[in-house]
C-alpha atoms as a PDB file:
ATOM      1  CA  UNK A   1      -3.159 -18.755  -1.913  1.00  0.00           C
ATOM      2  CA  UNK A   2       0.530 -18.058  -1.420  1.00  0.00           C
ATOM      3  CA  UNK A   3       2.046 -16.664   1.590  1.00  0.00           C
ATOM      4  CA  UNK A   4       2.444 -12.684   1.094  1.00  0.00           C
ATOM      5  CA  UNK A   5       6.112 -11.329   1.565  1.00  0.00           C
ATOM      6  CA  UNK A   6       7.037  -9.680   4.809  1.00  0.00           C
ATOM      7  CA  UNK A   7       7.795  -6.055   3.859  1.00  0.00           C
ATOM      8  CA  UNK A   8       8.085  -2.767   5.935  1.00  0.00           C
ATOM      9  CA  UNK A   9       5.454   0.030   5.766  1.00  0.00           C
ATOM     10  CA  UNK A  10       8.184   2.272   3.650  1.00  0.00           C
ATOM     11  CA  UNK A  11       8.747  -0.701   1.023  1.00  0.00           C
ATOM     12  CA  UNK A  12       5.243  -0.932   0.635  1.00  0.00           C
ATOM     13  CA  UNK A  13       4.816   2.695   0.249  1.00  0.00           C
ATOM     14  CA  UNK A  14       7.502   2.453  -2.317  1.00  0.00           C
ATOM     15  CA  UNK A  15       5.759  -0.252  -4.197  1.00  0.00           C
ATOM     16  CA  UNK A  16       2.184   1.548  -4.387  1.00  0.00           C
ATOM     17  CA  UNK A  17       4.137   4.860  -5.412  1.00  0.00           C
ATOM     18  CA  UNK A  18       5.528   2.744  -8.402  1.00  0.00           C
ATOM     19  CA  UNK A  19       1.525   2.618  -9.296  1.00  0.00           C
ATOM     20  CA  UNK A  20       0.777   6.134  -9.071  1.00  0.00           C
ATOM     21  CA  UNK A  21      -0.063   6.458  -5.487  1.00  0.00           C
ATOM     22  CA  UNK A  22       0.880   9.657  -3.861  1.00  0.00           C
ATOM     23  CA  UNK A  23       1.334  10.846  -0.354  1.00  0.00           C
ATOM     24  CA  UNK A  24      -1.278  12.954   0.683  1.00  0.00           C
ATOM     25  CA  UNK A  25      -0.726  13.101   4.659  1.00  0.00           C
ATOM     26  CA  UNK A  26       0.314  11.657   7.456  1.00  0.00           C
ATOM     27  CA  UNK A  27      -0.705  11.373  11.134  1.00  0.00           C
ATOM     28  CA  UNK A  28       1.679  10.030  13.589  1.00  0.00           C
ATOM     29  CA  UNK A  29       3.024   6.694  12.088  1.00  0.00           C
ATOM     30  CA  UNK A  30       0.315   6.401   9.411  1.00  0.00           C
ATOM     31  CA  UNK A  31       0.826   7.616   6.290  1.00  0.00           C
ATOM     32  CA  UNK A  32      -2.275   8.389   3.847  1.00  0.00           C
ATOM     33  CA  UNK A  33      -1.824   7.484  -0.035  1.00  0.00           C
ATOM     34  CA  UNK A  34      -3.898   8.581  -2.825  1.00  0.00           C
ATOM     35  CA  UNK A  35      -4.155   7.633  -6.693  1.00  0.00           C
ATOM     36  CA  UNK A  36      -6.271   9.730  -8.629  1.00  0.00           C
ATOM     37  CA  UNK A  37      -8.090   7.953 -11.574  1.00  0.00           C
ATOM     38  CA  UNK A  38     -10.427   9.208 -14.648  1.00  0.00           C
ATOM     39  CA  UNK A  39     -13.532   8.967 -12.863  1.00  0.00           C
ATOM     40  CA  UNK A  40     -12.507   8.355  -9.102  1.00  0.00           C
ATOM     41  CA  UNK A  41      -9.866   8.097  -6.861  1.00  0.00           C
ATOM     42  CA  UNK A  42      -8.365   5.506  -4.679  1.00  0.00           C
ATOM     43  CA  UNK A  43      -7.120   6.108  -0.761  1.00  0.00           C
ATOM     44  CA  UNK A  44      -5.431   3.837   1.414  1.00  0.00           C
ATOM     45  CA  UNK A  45      -3.522   4.406   4.809  1.00  0.00           C
ATOM     46  CA  UNK A  46      -0.078   2.475   5.261  1.00  0.00           C
ATOM     47  CA  UNK A  47       1.313   2.258   9.155  1.00  0.00           C
ATOM     48  CA  UNK A  48       5.024   2.945   9.228  1.00  0.00           C
ATOM     49  CA  UNK A  49       6.122  -0.397  10.859  1.00  0.00           C
ATOM     50  CA  UNK A  50       9.232  -2.564  10.317  1.00  0.00           C
ATOM     51  CA  UNK A  51       7.372  -5.637   9.198  1.00  0.00           C
ATOM     52  CA  UNK A  52       3.881  -5.430   8.152  1.00  0.00           C
ATOM     53  CA  UNK A  53       1.562  -8.344   9.395  1.00  0.00           C
ATOM     54  CA  UNK A  54      -0.142 -10.067   6.191  1.00  0.00           C
ATOM     55  CA  UNK A  55      -3.635  -9.204   7.316  1.00  0.00           C
ATOM     56  CA  UNK A  56      -2.506  -5.428   7.373  1.00  0.00           C
ATOM     57  CA  UNK A  57      -1.140  -5.796   4.276  1.00  0.00           C
ATOM     58  CA  UNK A  58      -3.923  -7.772   2.392  1.00  0.00           C
ATOM     59  CA  UNK A  59      -6.223  -4.526   3.811  1.00  0.00           C
ATOM     60  CA  UNK A  60      -3.960  -2.110   2.255  1.00  0.00           C
ATOM     61  CA  UNK A  61      -3.893  -3.794  -0.985  1.00  0.00           C
ATOM     62  CA  UNK A  62      -7.676  -4.296  -0.821  1.00  0.00           C
ATOM     63  CA  UNK A  63      -8.124  -0.366   0.264  1.00  0.00           C
ATOM     64  CA  UNK A  64      -5.829   0.519  -3.146  1.00  0.00           C
ATOM     65  CA  UNK A  65      -7.534  -2.138  -5.240  1.00  0.00           C
ATOM     66  CA  UNK A  66      -4.199  -3.704  -6.025  1.00  0.00           C
ATOM     67  CA  UNK A  67      -3.607  -7.746  -6.424  1.00  0.00           C
ATOM     68  CA  UNK A  68      -1.040  -9.464  -4.562  1.00  0.00           C
ATOM     69  CA  UNK A  69       0.554 -10.316  -7.530  1.00  0.00           C
ATOM     70  CA  UNK A  70       0.765  -6.899  -9.032  1.00  0.00           C
ATOM     71  CA  UNK A  71       2.246  -5.601  -5.598  1.00  0.00           C
ATOM     72  CA  UNK A  72       4.947  -8.392  -5.595  1.00  0.00           C
ATOM     73  CA  UNK A  73       6.012  -7.538  -8.748  1.00  0.00           C
ATOM     74  CA  UNK A  74       6.695  -3.966  -7.761  1.00  0.00           C
ATOM     75  CA  UNK A  75       8.720  -5.220  -4.744  1.00  0.00           C
END
């Protein structure tokens, strides 16, 4: 697996919003995102950090059910 790109929390949120996620709340430095699908919905939490560690970014993508390739295309 290739290295994940270094992105900020805001950049990750913008990419996820292009996939149909929307902000549904914020608790301090953590933004809640949600995407409604026909039969279910996906939620994820993105910390507002200057640079997200790759392990955190992978966890966000796993919660959002988004592939790394798809995410990288949206950056």
